[in-house]
Amino acid sequence: MSEEAGQLVAHIPRLRRYARALVGDPEAADDLVQDTLERALTRLNRFRPGTDLRAWLFTIMHNLYVSALRRYHRRPLHHAFEEGREGVPGGQEDSLRLDELEAALARLPSAQREVLLLVVLEGMRYEEVAAVLEIPLGTVMSRLYRARERLRRLLEGGAGPRLRRVK
């Protein structure tokens, strides 16, 4: 195993965490991680030594995710039935709060959710997020602000837009 390939392995837990938060489905997230690693390994010669391997991997994952979303919106899959979620054991307030947070995250627009997860969950700097998502730094900051505000409103129960009083 080459040194670069060995370094890829060290990033798998972060890739899995981000993919699960991004996609919501553990199986689909694992597929996204596998596709990311496969793409990275087959294109390892394109990685420039001395640059941020983590940012390169997250860029690959983001591009694969966006491509999958585009394919889905062109031809959505229809399921004959939806599997229900397992029940939460009684008295597990933390589990309920996590379920609420997961549901609120799922209701965020994709662009806002991506930025929020990279900054909060992965601890990336704004500049790194801008590079991974290939968007301007100001866009990262505005999406992050909007994501945090919307998430706060969703968790407080006020999912609707705020109305401003005009004098």
Protein backbone atom coordinates (compact mmCIF):
# COMPACT_ATOMS: atom_id res chain seq x y z
CA MET A 1 0.00 0.00 0.00
CA SER A 2 1.43 3.40 -0.97
CA GLU A 3 1.85 6.15 1.59
CA GLU A 4 -0.98 8.22 0.05
CA ALA A 5 -3.33 5.23 0.09
CA GLY A 6 -2.48 4.67 3.75
CA GLN A 7 -3.34 8.28 4.48
CA LEU A 8 -6.73 7.78 2.82
CA VAL A 9 -7.57 5.14 5.42
CA ALA A 10 -7.05 7.65 8.23
CA HIS A 11 -9.80 9.86 6.77
CA ILE A 12 -12.47 7.14 6.52
CA PRO A 13 -14.14 7.90 9.89
CA ARG A 14 -14.57 11.58 9.00
CA LEU A 15 -15.86 10.71 5.54
CA ARG A 16 -18.38 8.27 7.02
CA ARG A 17 -19.57 10.79 9.62
CA TYR A 18 -20.07 13.51 7.02
CA ALA A 19 -21.74 11.17 4.54
CA ARG A 20 -24.18 9.85 7.15
CA ALA A 21 -25.13 13.36 8.21
CA LEU A 22 -25.42 14.50 4.60
CA VAL A 23 -27.39 11.56 3.19
CA GLY A 24 -29.32 10.43 6.26
CA ASP A 25 -29.37 6.75 5.30
CA PRO A 26 -26.47 4.67 6.70
CA GLU A 27 -26.38 2.29 3.73
CA ALA A 28 -26.43 5.09 1.17
CA ALA A 29 -23.77 6.92 3.19
CA ASP A 30 -21.51 3.87 3.18
CA ASP A 31 -21.99 3.60 -0.59
CA LEU A 32 -21.03 7.28 -0.94
CA VAL A 33 -17.88 6.74 1.14
CA GLN A 34 -16.96 3.67 -0.92
CA ASP A 35 -17.49 5.56 -4.17
CA THR A 36 -15.39 8.44 -2.82
CA LEU A 37 -12.52 6.16 -1.84
CA GLU A 38 -12.69 4.30 -5.14
CA ARG A 39 -12.57 7.56 -7.08
CA ALA A 40 -9.70 8.83 -4.92
CA LEU A 41 -7.67 5.65 -5.36
CA THR A 42 -8.16 5.57 -9.13
CA ARG A 43 -7.20 9.25 -9.40
CA LEU A 44 -4.48 9.36 -6.75
CA ASN A 45 -2.04 10.56 -9.41
CA ARG A 46 -4.11 13.78 -9.63
CA PHE A 47 -3.58 14.61 -5.96
CA ARG A 48 -0.92 17.28 -5.53
CA PRO A 49 1.43 16.44 -2.66
CA GLY A 50 1.63 19.24 -0.12
CA THR A 51 -2.06 20.11 -0.47
CA ASP A 52 -4.83 19.15 1.95
CA LEU A 53 -5.79 15.50 1.40
CA ARG A 54 -8.91 15.87 3.57
CA ALA A 55 -10.19 18.78 1.47
CA TRP A 56 -9.49 16.81 -1.72
CA LEU A 57 -11.47 13.81 -0.41
CA PHE A 58 -14.39 15.98 0.71
CA THR A 59 -14.41 17.67 -2.70
CA ILE A 60 -14.66 14.28 -4.37
CA MET A 61 -17.47 13.27 -1.99
CA HIS A 62 -19.34 16.52 -2.55
CA ASN A 63 -19.12 16.16 -6.33
CA LEU A 64 -20.36 12.56 -6.18
CA TYR A 65 -23.23 13.61 -3.90
CA VAL A 66 -24.28 16.46 -6.18
CA SER A 67 -24.12 14.17 -9.22
CA ALA A 68 -26.31 11.62 -7.44
CA LEU A 69 -28.83 14.33 -6.54
CA ARG A 70 -28.98 15.47 -10.15
CA ARG A 71 -29.54 11.90 -11.34
CA TYR A 72 -32.26 11.41 -8.74
CA HIS A 73 -34.10 14.58 -9.72
CA ARG A 74 -33.99 13.56 -13.36
CA ARG A 75 -35.41 10.12 -12.59
CA PRO A 76 -36.58 9.65 -8.99
CA LEU A 77 -36.85 6.17 -7.55
CA HIS A 78 -40.26 5.00 -6.40
CA HIS A 79 -40.53 2.53 -3.58
CA ALA A 80 -43.52 0.26 -3.11
CA PHE A 81 -43.32 0.86 0.62
CA GLU A 82 -41.29 2.86 3.06
CA GLU A 83 -39.64 1.25 5.99
CA GLY A 84 -40.56 2.82 9.30
CA ARG A 85 -37.96 3.86 11.79
CA GLU A 86 -37.38 1.74 14.82
CA GLY A 87 -39.05 2.98 17.98
CA VAL A 88 -37.07 4.89 20.57
CA PRO A 89 -36.90 3.22 23.96
CA GLY A 90 -38.96 5.04 26.60
CA GLY A 91 -37.23 7.66 28.71
CA GLN A 92 -34.56 8.39 26.16
CA GLU A 93 -34.85 12.17 25.93
CA ASP A 94 -31.45 12.47 24.29
CA SER A 95 -32.51 10.07 21.55
CA LEU A 96 -35.64 12.12 20.95
CA ARG A 97 -33.62 15.32 20.75
CA LEU A 98 -31.25 13.69 18.29
CA ASP A 99 -34.20 12.53 16.20
CA GLU A 100 -35.56 16.10 16.21
CA LEU A 101 -32.17 17.45 15.20
CA GLU A 102 -31.85 14.86 12.42
CA ALA A 103 -35.32 15.74 11.12
CA ALA A 104 -34.55 19.47 11.28
CA LEU A 105 -31.25 18.95 9.42
CA ALA A 106 -33.10 17.01 6.72
CA ARG A 107 -35.45 19.98 6.24
CA LEU A 108 -32.58 22.39 5.56
CA PRO A 109 -31.87 23.17 1.93
CA SER A 110 -29.06 20.97 0.66
CA ALA A 111 -26.64 23.87 0.13
CA GLN A 112 -27.12 25.10 3.70
CA ARG A 113 -26.90 21.60 5.19
CA GLU A 114 -23.62 20.89 3.38
CA VAL A 115 -21.96 24.04 4.71
CA LEU A 116 -23.29 23.54 8.23
CA LEU A 117 -22.10 19.94 8.40
CA LEU A 118 -18.63 20.73 7.09
CA VAL A 119 -18.14 23.59 9.55
CA VAL A 120 -19.83 22.16 12.63
CA LEU A 121 -19.45 18.41 12.28
CA GLU A 122 -16.11 18.29 10.47
CA GLY A 123 -14.58 21.40 12.02
CA MET A 124 -13.41 22.79 8.71
CA ARG A 125 -12.40 26.43 8.37
CA TYR A 126 -14.56 28.60 6.13
CA GLU A 127 -11.77 28.76 3.55
CA GLU A 128 -11.59 24.96 3.43
CA VAL A 129 -15.36 24.70 2.99
CA ALA A 130 -15.23 27.24 0.16
CA ALA A 131 -12.55 25.17 -1.55
CA VAL A 132 -14.39 21.86 -1.06
CA LEU A 133 -17.73 23.18 -2.32
CA GLU A 134 -16.11 25.47 -4.92
CA ILE A 135 -18.06 28.52 -3.78
CA PRO A 136 -16.94 31.99 -2.63
CA LEU A 137 -16.06 32.55 1.03
CA GLY A 138 -18.91 35.02 1.46
CA THR A 139 -21.38 32.41 0.23
CA VAL A 140 -20.08 29.97 2.84
CA MET A 141 -20.65 32.53 5.59
CA SER A 142 -24.14 33.50 4.44
CA ARG A 143 -25.25 29.88 3.97
CA LEU A 144 -23.90 29.00 7.40
CA TYR A 145 -25.77 31.91 8.99
CA ARG A 146 -29.01 31.00 7.23
CA ALA A 147 -28.60 27.31 8.11
CA ARG A 148 -28.05 28.08 11.80
CA GLU A 149 -31.02 30.45 11.92
CA ARG A 150 -33.35 28.05 10.13
CA LEU A 151 -32.19 25.13 12.27
CA ARG A 152 -32.80 27.16 15.42
CA ARG A 153 -36.33 28.07 14.25
CA LEU A 154 -37.09 24.47 13.30
CA LEU A 155 -35.95 23.17 16.67
CA GLU A 156 -37.99 25.83 18.48
CA GLY A 157 -41.05 24.77 16.50
CA GLY A 158 -41.35 27.87 14.33
CA ALA A 159 -40.60 26.46 10.91
CA GLY A 160 -42.32 29.27 9.03
CA PRO A 161 -40.62 32.41 7.79
CA ARG A 162 -40.45 35.39 10.07
CA LEU A 163 -42.71 38.29 9.27
CA ARG A 164 -41.24 41.74 9.70
CA ARG A 165 -43.28 44.65 10.89
CA VAL A 166 -43.10 47.57 8.49
CA LYS A 167 -43.82 51.02 9.85
